[in-house]
Every structure is written in C-alpha cells, then in structure tokens.
Amino acid sequence: MNYWHALILAIVEGLTEFLPVSSTGHMIIVANLLGIGQLPFTETYITSIQFGAILSVVVLYWRRFLQSFDFYVKLAVAFLPFGLLGFLLKDVITDLLKNVTVVASSLVVGGIVLLFVDRWFSESRKQVTTPSTLQALKIGLFQCLALVPGVSRSAATIVGGLAQGFDRRSAADFSFLLAVPTMFVITAYEMYKTYKVNAPKAEDLELLAFGNVAAFIVALLAVKSFVNFVSKFGFRAFGFYRIIVGLTILVMIALGIDLHLI
C-alpha cells in the first residue's frame, strides 16, 4: 500500500462512515478495485483509520459530551444490545461478511426502507436533545440490525430515532453520538485481533497516522454536510444509491464475475 491508496481509502471512510450506506462494504470494494484487497496490512488499515472518523464526532459534538452523567447512561443503554448480541454472534457475523450476496441484498433492502422512511414517520416529529432511557434502548435494538453486513449502523440507528418521533436532525445527531462508543469498541477489538497476527511495521505506522488524519478531516465535512442535507431533503437519495450499488453487485454475481470482496 502506498500513500495514494491510503488517501483514497481514508476519503472513502470519512465520506461513508456516518452515512447510511455501509462504510466497511465500500472500503472493501475500493480496496479490491485498487488491487490491495488481499494484503494483510489492508485489513489493519481499514480497521485502524476508523479512529480518525470517531474523533471527528467528538470534536463536532464536544459540548454534548460535557452533559450530565445521565447522557452517558443513555449512550450505554443504547449500546448494550448491540454489544451483547455482537459478542454472542461474532462468528456468525464474520461468516455473513464473507457472503457477498448477503451484503448486496442488505444494501438493496436497506435502500428500499430509506425510500419510504420519511413517509412512514412523517407525523409528530420533534427535536430531541437527549432521548429517554426507553427511547435509547429502542434505538439500540434498531442498531442490532447493523450486525447484518450491508445494513449500515448509521441507517439502522437513524431509522430507530425516526421511529421514536425524532425529527431528521435529532435522529442523525443521536446516531453520530452513539457511533462513538459503538465504533470505539468495535475498532479496538478488531485492531487487537489484527495486530496479534499482523503487527504493523514502522512505515505502516506512518501510513496509519496519515490515514487517520485524512479520515478525520473528511468525516468532519461529511457529518456537517449530511445533517444539513437530510434536514432539507430526507433520505431518498441514499436509498436510491444503496439500491443501485446493491443491484449492480447482484447482477455481477449472476453473471459469474468473481468480486474477491473478502
């Protein structure tokens, strides 16, 4: 992997991590298109640069993280179902991630949901700063849907917020806040497993530092732009995008094209 590869993957991570389009799937696809998908360090890099994206949320929402202890209780309650179920089903999830058809189908199904989600939850929307404990738990249960590869953690939690009566901005905001503990735990665990097998070299550490900085900057711009976009236009554009990508992959599979995604 060179710096151009590192930059492209960091841009993809920063753009897609908090959008309802499945960032991991995009990075795997792009890595293989670049011809580096099978390199041991690529997996380490893809996992590690998520820390840069996490930091962007902390910077953008730093005031929210200075709220009362109750705020952290709500985040913990929302994270708990995902963390517990993810731990129990980690082997099943790993197998599903290797199934390209599952990922592509999830992209299509999730896209269809996003086409209609604004209509389904159009009534009694309200701005919410911090959800109740019950609302946080329900959003956490929605987040469990993201254990299926291709569903998108962001999409699942945003739909969960809308289902609780949140307006688009509030649903997106809480999705980003919940991403911090969720992504931190996932990324730290995956890095621990990866680094035990493929410890990075000195030159690799330089690429990791570069990638995290790039992902941080791009994610800063992406989060702000996404919130403004969905507040005005909703989620239909992302729904169409997911459907097009998912159907394209399914057609390629039907034609017998070897995608080498994993």
C-alpha atoms as a PDB file:
ATOM      1  CA  MET A   1       0.000   0.000   0.000  1.00  0.00           C
ATOM      2  CA  ASN A   2       1.259   3.463  -0.867  1.00  0.00           C
ATOM      3  CA  TYR A   3       0.123   6.934   0.175  1.00  0.00           C
ATOM      4  CA  TRP A   4      -2.296   7.257  -2.740  1.00  0.00           C
ATOM      5  CA  HIS A   5      -4.009   4.040  -1.715  1.00  0.00           C
ATOM      6  CA  ALA A   6      -4.063   5.246   1.893  1.00  0.00           C
ATOM      7  CA  LEU A   7      -5.592   8.595   0.905  1.00  0.00           C
ATOM      8  CA  ILE A   8      -8.306   7.080  -1.281  1.00  0.00           C
ATOM      9  CA  LEU A   9      -9.369   4.622   1.429  1.00  0.00           C
ATOM     10  CA  ALA A  10      -9.334   7.383   4.059  1.00  0.00           C
ATOM     11  CA  ILE A  11     -11.581   9.543   1.874  1.00  0.00           C
ATOM     12  CA  VAL A  12     -13.989   6.635   1.420  1.00  0.00           C
ATOM     13  CA  GLU A  13     -14.006   6.023   5.185  1.00  0.00           C
ATOM     14  CA  GLY A  14     -14.558   9.672   6.027  1.00  0.00           C
ATOM     15  CA  LEU A  15     -17.360  10.059   3.480  1.00  0.00           C
ATOM     16  CA  THR A  16     -19.264   6.865   4.258  1.00  0.00           C
ATOM     17  CA  GLU A  17     -18.758   6.075   7.948  1.00  0.00           C
ATOM     18  CA  PHE A  18     -21.660   8.202   9.135  1.00  0.00           C
ATOM     19  CA  LEU A  19     -23.810   7.963   6.017  1.00  0.00           C
ATOM     20  CA  PRO A  20     -26.493   5.253   5.749  1.00  0.00           C
ATOM     21  CA  VAL A  21     -24.594   3.371   3.018  1.00  0.00           C
ATOM     22  CA  SER A  22     -22.318   0.800   4.796  1.00  0.00           C
ATOM     23  CA  SER A  23     -18.774   2.151   5.029  1.00  0.00           C
ATOM     24  CA  THR A  24     -16.987  -1.176   5.532  1.00  0.00           C
ATOM     25  CA  GLY A  25     -18.514  -2.599   2.373  1.00  0.00           C
ATOM     26  CA  HIS A  26     -17.398   0.442   0.397  1.00  0.00           C
ATOM     27  CA  MET A  27     -13.826   0.251   1.689  1.00  0.00           C
ATOM     28  CA  ILE A  28     -13.573  -3.466   0.920  1.00  0.00           C
ATOM     29  CA  ILE A  29     -14.837  -2.891  -2.612  1.00  0.00           C
ATOM     30  CA  VAL A  30     -12.499   0.062  -3.213  1.00  0.00           C
ATOM     31  CA  ALA A  31      -9.507  -1.798  -1.750  1.00  0.00           C
ATOM     32  CA  ASN A  32     -10.060  -4.649  -4.187  1.00  0.00           C
ATOM     33  CA  LEU A  33     -10.507  -2.266  -7.107  1.00  0.00           C
ATOM     34  CA  LEU A  34      -7.140  -0.754  -6.153  1.00  0.00           C
ATOM     35  CA  GLY A  35      -5.603  -4.219  -6.143  1.00  0.00           C
ATOM     36  CA  ILE A  36      -4.686  -4.183  -2.441  1.00  0.00           C
ATOM     37  CA  GLY A  37      -7.670  -6.030  -1.020  1.00  0.00           C
ATOM     38  CA  GLN A  38      -5.732  -9.211  -0.280  1.00  0.00           C
ATOM     39  CA  LEU A  39      -2.801  -7.546   1.503  1.00  0.00           C
ATOM     40  CA  PRO A  40      -2.646  -8.317   5.256  1.00  0.00           C
ATOM     41  CA  PHE A  41      -1.973  -4.669   6.095  1.00  0.00           C
ATOM     42  CA  THR A  42      -5.089  -3.514   4.222  1.00  0.00           C
ATOM     43  CA  GLU A  43      -7.373  -5.076   6.827  1.00  0.00           C
ATOM     44  CA  THR A  44      -5.355  -3.448   9.589  1.00  0.00           C
ATOM     45  CA  TYR A  45      -5.515  -0.085   7.836  1.00  0.00           C
ATOM     46  CA  ILE A  46      -9.268  -0.241   7.165  1.00  0.00           C
ATOM     47  CA  THR A  47      -9.910  -1.060  10.818  1.00  0.00           C
ATOM     48  CA  SER A  48      -7.492   1.484  12.284  1.00  0.00           C
ATOM     49  CA  ILE A  49      -8.497   4.625  10.384  1.00  0.00           C
ATOM     50  CA  GLN A  50     -11.971   4.464  11.895  1.00  0.00           C
ATOM     51  CA  PHE A  51     -10.462   6.149  14.943  1.00  0.00           C
ATOM     52  CA  GLY A  52      -9.996   9.299  12.872  1.00  0.00           C
ATOM     53  CA  ALA A  53     -13.676   9.264  11.940  1.00  0.00           C
ATOM     54  CA  ILE A  54     -14.686   8.718  15.584  1.00  0.00           C
ATOM     55  CA  LEU A  55     -12.623  11.726  16.648  1.00  0.00           C
ATOM     56  CA  SER A  56     -14.483  13.955  14.174  1.00  0.00           C
ATOM     57  CA  VAL A  57     -17.751  13.335  16.035  1.00  0.00           C
ATOM     58  CA  VAL A  58     -16.120  14.063  19.380  1.00  0.00           C
ATOM     59  CA  VAL A  59     -14.824  17.375  18.019  1.00  0.00           C
ATOM     60  CA  LEU A  60     -18.093  18.395  16.350  1.00  0.00           C
ATOM     61  CA  TYR A  61     -20.286  17.427  19.315  1.00  0.00           C
ATOM     62  CA  TRP A  62     -17.894  18.122  22.164  1.00  0.00           C
ATOM     63  CA  ARG A  63     -20.455  20.164  24.089  1.00  0.00           C
ATOM     64  CA  ARG A  64     -22.838  17.199  24.096  1.00  0.00           C
ATOM     65  CA  PHE A  65     -20.153  15.053  25.701  1.00  0.00           C
ATOM     66  CA  LEU A  66     -19.928  17.544  28.587  1.00  0.00           C
ATOM     67  CA  GLN A  67     -23.527  16.937  29.596  1.00  0.00           C
ATOM     68  CA  SER A  68     -24.614  15.199  32.789  1.00  0.00           C
ATOM     69  CA  PHE A  69     -23.766  11.628  33.722  1.00  0.00           C
ATOM     70  CA  ASP A  70     -27.286  10.728  32.586  1.00  0.00           C
ATOM     71  CA  PHE A  71     -26.213  11.356  28.985  1.00  0.00           C
ATOM     72  CA  TYR A  72     -23.577   8.625  29.235  1.00  0.00           C
ATOM     73  CA  VAL A  73     -26.095   6.282  30.825  1.00  0.00           C
ATOM     74  CA  LYS A  74     -28.331   6.724  27.766  1.00  0.00           C
ATOM     75  CA  LEU A  75     -25.417   6.001  25.420  1.00  0.00           C
ATOM     76  CA  ALA A  76     -24.550   2.890  27.443  1.00  0.00           C
ATOM     77  CA  VAL A  77     -28.157   1.676  27.368  1.00  0.00           C
ATOM     78  CA  ALA A  78     -28.321   2.227  23.595  1.00  0.00           C
ATOM     79  CA  PHE A  79     -25.009   0.419  23.007  1.00  0.00           C
ATOM     80  CA  LEU A  80     -25.705  -2.576  25.268  1.00  0.00           C
ATOM     81  CA  PRO A  81     -27.989  -4.639  22.946  1.00  0.00           C
ATOM     82  CA  PHE A  82     -25.588  -4.264  20.013  1.00  0.00           C
ATOM     83  CA  GLY A  83     -22.531  -5.055  22.113  1.00  0.00           C
ATOM     84  CA  LEU A  84     -24.084  -8.113  23.756  1.00  0.00           C
ATOM     85  CA  LEU A  85     -25.598  -9.574  20.590  1.00  0.00           C
ATOM     86  CA  GLY A  86     -22.477  -8.781  18.573  1.00  0.00           C
ATOM     87  CA  PHE A  87     -20.313 -10.660  21.079  1.00  0.00           C
ATOM     88  CA  LEU A  88     -22.610 -13.690  21.082  1.00  0.00           C
ATOM     89  CA  LEU A  89     -22.914 -13.820  17.284  1.00  0.00           C
ATOM     90  CA  LYS A  90     -19.402 -12.688  16.276  1.00  0.00           C
ATOM     91  CA  ASP A  91     -18.612 -15.926  14.404  1.00  0.00           C
ATOM     92  CA  VAL A  92     -21.912 -15.848  12.527  1.00  0.00           C
ATOM     93  CA  ILE A  93     -21.369 -12.201  11.602  1.00  0.00           C
ATOM     94  CA  THR A  94     -17.876 -12.996  10.296  1.00  0.00           C
ATOM     95  CA  ASP A  95     -19.311 -15.694   8.052  1.00  0.00           C
ATOM     96  CA  LEU A  96     -22.062 -13.369   6.789  1.00  0.00           C
ATOM     97  CA  LEU A  97     -19.480 -10.710   5.959  1.00  0.00           C
ATOM     98  CA  LYS A  98     -17.855 -13.180   3.575  1.00  0.00           C
ATOM     99  CA  ASN A  99     -21.160 -13.676   1.771  1.00  0.00           C
ATOM    100  CA  VAL A 100     -21.278 -11.058  -0.983  1.00  0.00           C
ATOM    101  CA  THR A 101     -24.894 -11.875  -1.794  1.00  0.00           C
ATOM    102  CA  VAL A 102     -25.940 -11.084   1.792  1.00  0.00           C
ATOM    103  CA  VAL A 103     -24.123  -7.738   1.704  1.00  0.00           C
ATOM    104  CA  ALA A 104     -25.613  -6.766  -1.668  1.00  0.00           C
ATOM    105  CA  SER A 105     -29.114  -7.861  -0.657  1.00  0.00           C
ATOM    106  CA  SER A 106     -28.855  -5.849   2.559  1.00  0.00           C
ATOM    107  CA  LEU A 107     -27.884  -2.784   0.549  1.00  0.00           C
ATOM    108  CA  VAL A 108     -31.000  -3.176  -1.615  1.00  0.00           C
ATOM    109  CA  VAL A 109     -33.408  -3.863   1.248  1.00  0.00           C
ATOM    110  CA  GLY A 110     -31.979  -1.006   3.302  1.00  0.00           C
ATOM    111  CA  GLY A 111     -32.258   1.273   0.283  1.00  0.00           C
ATOM    112  CA  ILE A 112     -35.936   0.448  -0.135  1.00  0.00           C
ATOM    113  CA  VAL A 113     -36.523   1.273   3.531  1.00  0.00           C
ATOM    114  CA  LEU A 114     -34.818   4.654   3.123  1.00  0.00           C
ATOM    115  CA  LEU A 115     -37.060   5.457   0.143  1.00  0.00           C
ATOM    116  CA  PHE A 116     -40.154   5.305   2.336  1.00  0.00           C
ATOM    117  CA  VAL A 117     -38.907   6.060   5.834  1.00  0.00           C
ATOM    118  CA  ASP A 118     -39.807   9.760   5.629  1.00  0.00           C
ATOM    119  CA  ARG A 119     -43.389   8.858   4.733  1.00  0.00           C
ATOM    120  CA  TRP A 120     -43.692   6.229   7.457  1.00  0.00           C
ATOM    121  CA  PHE A 121     -42.559   8.549  10.234  1.00  0.00           C
ATOM    122  CA  SER A 122     -43.798  11.909   8.948  1.00  0.00           C
ATOM    123  CA  GLU A 123     -46.128  12.726  11.840  1.00  0.00           C
ATOM    124  CA  SER A 124     -45.392  14.288  15.233  1.00  0.00           C
ATOM    125  CA  ARG A 125     -41.667  14.736  14.697  1.00  0.00           C
ATOM    126  CA  LYS A 126     -39.904  16.636  17.427  1.00  0.00           C
ATOM    127  CA  GLN A 127     -36.446  17.947  18.174  1.00  0.00           C
ATOM    128  CA  VAL A 128     -34.753  15.884  20.866  1.00  0.00           C
ATOM    129  CA  THR A 129     -31.510  16.697  22.664  1.00  0.00           C
ATOM    130  CA  THR A 130     -31.279  13.551  24.786  1.00  0.00           C
ATOM    131  CA  PRO A 131     -33.643  10.575  24.451  1.00  0.00           C
ATOM    132  CA  SER A 132     -35.320   8.915  27.405  1.00  0.00           C
ATOM    133  CA  THR A 133     -33.853   5.661  28.681  1.00  0.00           C
ATOM    134  CA  LEU A 134     -36.591   3.668  26.925  1.00  0.00           C
ATOM    135  CA  GLN A 135     -36.064   5.548  23.659  1.00  0.00           C
ATOM    136  CA  ALA A 136     -32.300   4.939  23.897  1.00  0.00           C
ATOM    137  CA  LEU A 137     -32.927   1.221  24.410  1.00  0.00           C
ATOM    138  CA  LYS A 138     -35.244   1.040  21.397  1.00  0.00           C
ATOM    139  CA  ILE A 139     -32.689   2.821  19.201  1.00  0.00           C
ATOM    140  CA  GLY A 140     -30.099   0.352  20.486  1.00  0.00           C
ATOM    141  CA  LEU A 141     -32.325  -2.520  19.389  1.00  0.00           C
ATOM    142  CA  PHE A 142     -32.557  -0.963  15.922  1.00  0.00           C
ATOM    143  CA  GLN A 143     -28.754  -0.758  15.887  1.00  0.00           C
ATOM    144  CA  CYS A 144     -28.636  -4.559  16.221  1.00  0.00           C
ATOM    145  CA  LEU A 145     -29.911  -4.752  12.636  1.00  0.00           C
ATOM    146  CA  ALA A 146     -26.499  -3.445  11.589  1.00  0.00           C
ATOM    147  CA  LEU A 147     -24.953  -6.734  12.698  1.00  0.00           C
ATOM    148  CA  VAL A 148     -26.084  -7.972   9.286  1.00  0.00           C
ATOM    149  CA  PRO A 149     -23.341  -6.839   6.858  1.00  0.00           C
ATOM    150  CA  GLY A 150     -24.539  -4.180   4.453  1.00  0.00           C
ATOM    151  CA  VAL A 151     -27.354  -2.860   6.640  1.00  0.00           C
ATOM    152  CA  SER A 152     -25.355   0.182   7.872  1.00  0.00           C
ATOM    153  CA  ARG A 153     -25.174   1.125  11.531  1.00  0.00           C
ATOM    154  CA  SER A 154     -25.976   4.737  10.705  1.00  0.00           C
ATOM    155  CA  ALA A 155     -29.094   3.819   8.720  1.00  0.00           C
ATOM    156  CA  ALA A 156     -30.381   1.478  11.436  1.00  0.00           C
ATOM    157  CA  THR A 157     -29.983   3.993  14.269  1.00  0.00           C
ATOM    158  CA  ILE A 158     -31.381   6.906  12.274  1.00  0.00           C
ATOM    159  CA  VAL A 159     -34.485   4.882  11.408  1.00  0.00           C
ATOM    160  CA  GLY A 160     -34.667   3.936  15.085  1.00  0.00           C
ATOM    161  CA  GLY A 161     -34.658   7.608  16.040  1.00  0.00           C
ATOM    162  CA  LEU A 162     -37.334   8.455  13.489  1.00  0.00           C
ATOM    163  CA  ALA A 163     -39.436   5.605  14.849  1.00  0.00           C
ATOM    164  CA  GLN A 164     -39.283   7.304  18.270  1.00  0.00           C
ATOM    165  CA  GLY A 165     -40.701  10.503  16.802  1.00  0.00           C
ATOM    166  CA  PHE A 166     -37.399  12.373  16.416  1.00  0.00           C
ATOM    167  CA  ASP A 167     -37.007  14.835  13.583  1.00  0.00           C
ATOM    168  CA  ARG A 168     -34.344  14.078  10.966  1.00  0.00           C
ATOM    169  CA  ARG A 169     -31.635  16.213  12.560  1.00  0.00           C
ATOM    170  CA  SER A 170     -32.184  14.794  16.046  1.00  0.00           C
ATOM    171  CA  ALA A 171     -32.181  11.228  14.730  1.00  0.00           C
ATOM    172  CA  ALA A 172     -28.931  11.842  12.845  1.00  0.00           C
ATOM    173  CA  ASP A 173     -27.340  13.614  15.819  1.00  0.00           C
ATOM    174  CA  PHE A 174     -28.000  10.751  18.232  1.00  0.00           C
ATOM    175  CA  SER A 175     -26.830   8.257  15.615  1.00  0.00           C
ATOM    176  CA  PHE A 176     -23.493  10.080  15.443  1.00  0.00           C
ATOM    177  CA  LEU A 177     -23.195  10.263  19.236  1.00  0.00           C
ATOM    178  CA  LEU A 178     -23.974   6.559  19.603  1.00  0.00           C
ATOM    179  CA  ALA A 179     -21.343   5.841  16.948  1.00  0.00           C
ATOM    180  CA  VAL A 180     -18.573   6.930  19.323  1.00  0.00           C
ATOM    181  CA  PRO A 181     -18.835   4.116  21.922  1.00  0.00           C
ATOM    182  CA  THR A 182     -20.008   1.601  19.322  1.00  0.00           C
ATOM    183  CA  MET A 183     -17.243   2.242  16.808  1.00  0.00           C
ATOM    184  CA  PHE A 184     -14.620   2.605  19.527  1.00  0.00           C
ATOM    185  CA  VAL A 185     -15.359  -0.825  20.978  1.00  0.00           C
ATOM    186  CA  ILE A 186     -15.613  -2.494  17.549  1.00  0.00           C
ATOM    187  CA  THR A 187     -12.468  -0.827  16.222  1.00  0.00           C
ATOM    188  CA  ALA A 188     -10.424  -1.521  19.366  1.00  0.00           C
ATOM    189  CA  TYR A 189     -11.465  -5.188  19.339  1.00  0.00           C
ATOM    190  CA  GLU A 190     -10.757  -5.663  15.630  1.00  0.00           C
ATOM    191  CA  MET A 191      -7.391  -3.904  15.961  1.00  0.00           C
ATOM    192  CA  TYR A 192      -6.472  -6.156  18.880  1.00  0.00           C
ATOM    193  CA  LYS A 193      -7.218  -9.271  16.806  1.00  0.00           C
ATOM    194  CA  THR A 194      -5.499  -7.913  13.711  1.00  0.00           C
ATOM    195  CA  TYR A 195      -2.375  -6.631  15.437  1.00  0.00           C
ATOM    196  CA  LYS A 196      -1.825 -10.000  17.129  1.00  0.00           C
ATOM    197  CA  VAL A 197      -1.459 -11.566  13.691  1.00  0.00           C
ATOM    198  CA  ASN A 198      -0.131  -8.691  11.574  1.00  0.00           C
ATOM    199  CA  ALA A 199       1.823  -6.235  13.695  1.00  0.00           C
ATOM    200  CA  PRO A 200       2.470  -3.088  11.591  1.00  0.00           C
ATOM    201  CA  LYS A 201       5.986  -2.042  10.618  1.00  0.00           C
ATOM    202  CA  ALA A 202       7.424   1.431  11.149  1.00  0.00           C
ATOM    203  CA  GLU A 203       6.493   2.581   7.634  1.00  0.00           C
ATOM    204  CA  ASP A 204       2.997   1.168   8.145  1.00  0.00           C
ATOM    205  CA  LEU A 205       2.563   3.296  11.255  1.00  0.00           C
ATOM    206  CA  GLU A 206       3.260   6.389   9.155  1.00  0.00           C
ATOM    207  CA  LEU A 207       0.502   5.353   6.720  1.00  0.00           C
ATOM    208  CA  LEU A 208      -1.874   4.768   9.645  1.00  0.00           C
ATOM    209  CA  ALA A 209      -1.193   8.228  11.051  1.00  0.00           C
ATOM    210  CA  PHE A 210      -1.689   9.781   7.614  1.00  0.00           C
ATOM    211  CA  GLY A 211      -4.922   7.842   7.052  1.00  0.00           C
ATOM    212  CA  ASN A 212      -6.407   8.785  10.411  1.00  0.00           C
ATOM    213  CA  VAL A 213      -5.747  12.476   9.822  1.00  0.00           C
ATOM    214  CA  ALA A 214      -7.284  12.296   6.346  1.00  0.00           C
ATOM    215  CA  ALA A 215     -10.318  10.335   7.566  1.00  0.00           C
ATOM    216  CA  PHE A 216     -10.792  12.836  10.405  1.00  0.00           C
ATOM    217  CA  ILE A 217     -10.822  15.847   8.057  1.00  0.00           C
ATOM    218  CA  VAL A 218     -13.137  14.235   5.503  1.00  0.00           C
ATOM    219  CA  ALA A 219     -15.515  12.960   8.214  1.00  0.00           C
ATOM    220  CA  LEU A 220     -15.749  16.459   9.706  1.00  0.00           C
ATOM    221  CA  LEU A 221     -17.021  17.777   6.388  1.00  0.00           C
ATOM    222  CA  ALA A 222     -19.222  14.753   5.700  1.00  0.00           C
ATOM    223  CA  VAL A 223     -21.055  14.843   9.041  1.00  0.00           C
ATOM    224  CA  LYS A 224     -21.921  18.536   8.799  1.00  0.00           C
ATOM    225  CA  SER A 225     -22.991  18.228   5.169  1.00  0.00           C
ATOM    226  CA  PHE A 226     -25.053  15.095   5.832  1.00  0.00           C
ATOM    227  CA  VAL A 227     -27.035  16.646   8.689  1.00  0.00           C
ATOM    228  CA  ASN A 228     -27.848  19.727   6.613  1.00  0.00           C
ATOM    229  CA  PHE A 229     -28.788  17.588   3.596  1.00  0.00           C
ATOM    230  CA  VAL A 230     -31.145  15.186   5.358  1.00  0.00           C
ATOM    231  CA  SER A 231     -32.758  18.020   7.302  1.00  0.00           C
ATOM    232  CA  LYS A 232     -33.837  19.548   3.989  1.00  0.00           C
ATOM    233  CA  PHE A 233     -34.215  16.616   1.600  1.00  0.00           C
ATOM    234  CA  GLY A 234     -34.604  13.432   3.640  1.00  0.00           C
ATOM    235  CA  PHE A 235     -33.109  10.026   2.901  1.00  0.00           C
ATOM    236  CA  ARG A 236     -34.413   9.094  -0.560  1.00  0.00           C
ATOM    237  CA  ALA A 237     -31.158   9.909  -2.363  1.00  0.00           C
ATOM    238  CA  PHE A 238     -29.265   7.488  -0.124  1.00  0.00           C
ATOM    239  CA  GLY A 239     -31.963   4.897  -0.699  1.00  0.00           C
ATOM    240  CA  PHE A 240     -31.552   5.099  -4.463  1.00  0.00           C
ATOM    241  CA  TYR A 241     -27.773   4.947  -4.129  1.00  0.00           C
ATOM    242  CA  ARG A 242     -27.897   1.796  -1.983  1.00  0.00           C
ATOM    243  CA  ILE A 243     -30.305   0.100  -4.398  1.00  0.00           C
ATOM    244  CA  ILE A 244     -28.136   0.893  -7.422  1.00  0.00           C
ATOM    245  CA  VAL A 245     -24.945  -0.378  -5.743  1.00  0.00           C
ATOM    246  CA  GLY A 246     -26.637  -3.486  -4.372  1.00  0.00           C
ATOM    247  CA  LEU A 247     -28.312  -4.407  -7.653  1.00  0.00           C
ATOM    248  CA  THR A 248     -25.064  -3.832  -9.544  1.00  0.00           C
ATOM    249  CA  ILE A 249     -23.263  -6.306  -7.280  1.00  0.00           C
ATOM    250  CA  LEU A 250     -26.100  -8.851  -7.572  1.00  0.00           C
ATOM    251  CA  VAL A 251     -26.016  -8.587 -11.370  1.00  0.00           C
ATOM    252  CA  MET A 252     -22.244  -9.092 -11.345  1.00  0.00           C
ATOM    253  CA  ILE A 253     -22.685 -12.180  -9.192  1.00  0.00           C
ATOM    254  CA  ALA A 254     -25.386 -13.507 -11.541  1.00  0.00           C
ATOM    255  CA  LEU A 255     -23.001 -13.016 -14.479  1.00  0.00           C
ATOM    256  CA  GLY A 256     -20.387 -15.092 -12.700  1.00  0.00           C
ATOM    257  CA  ILE A 257     -17.970 -12.238 -12.049  1.00  0.00           C
ATOM    258  CA  ASP A 258     -15.581 -13.042  -9.187  1.00  0.00           C
ATOM    259  CA  LEU A 259     -15.623  -9.955  -6.986  1.00  0.00           C
ATOM    260  CA  HIS A 260     -12.966 -11.099  -4.489  1.00  0.00           C
ATOM    261  CA  LEU A 261     -14.541  -8.961  -1.777  1.00  0.00           C
ATOM    262  CA  ILE A 262     -13.069 -10.948   1.067  1.00  0.00           C
END
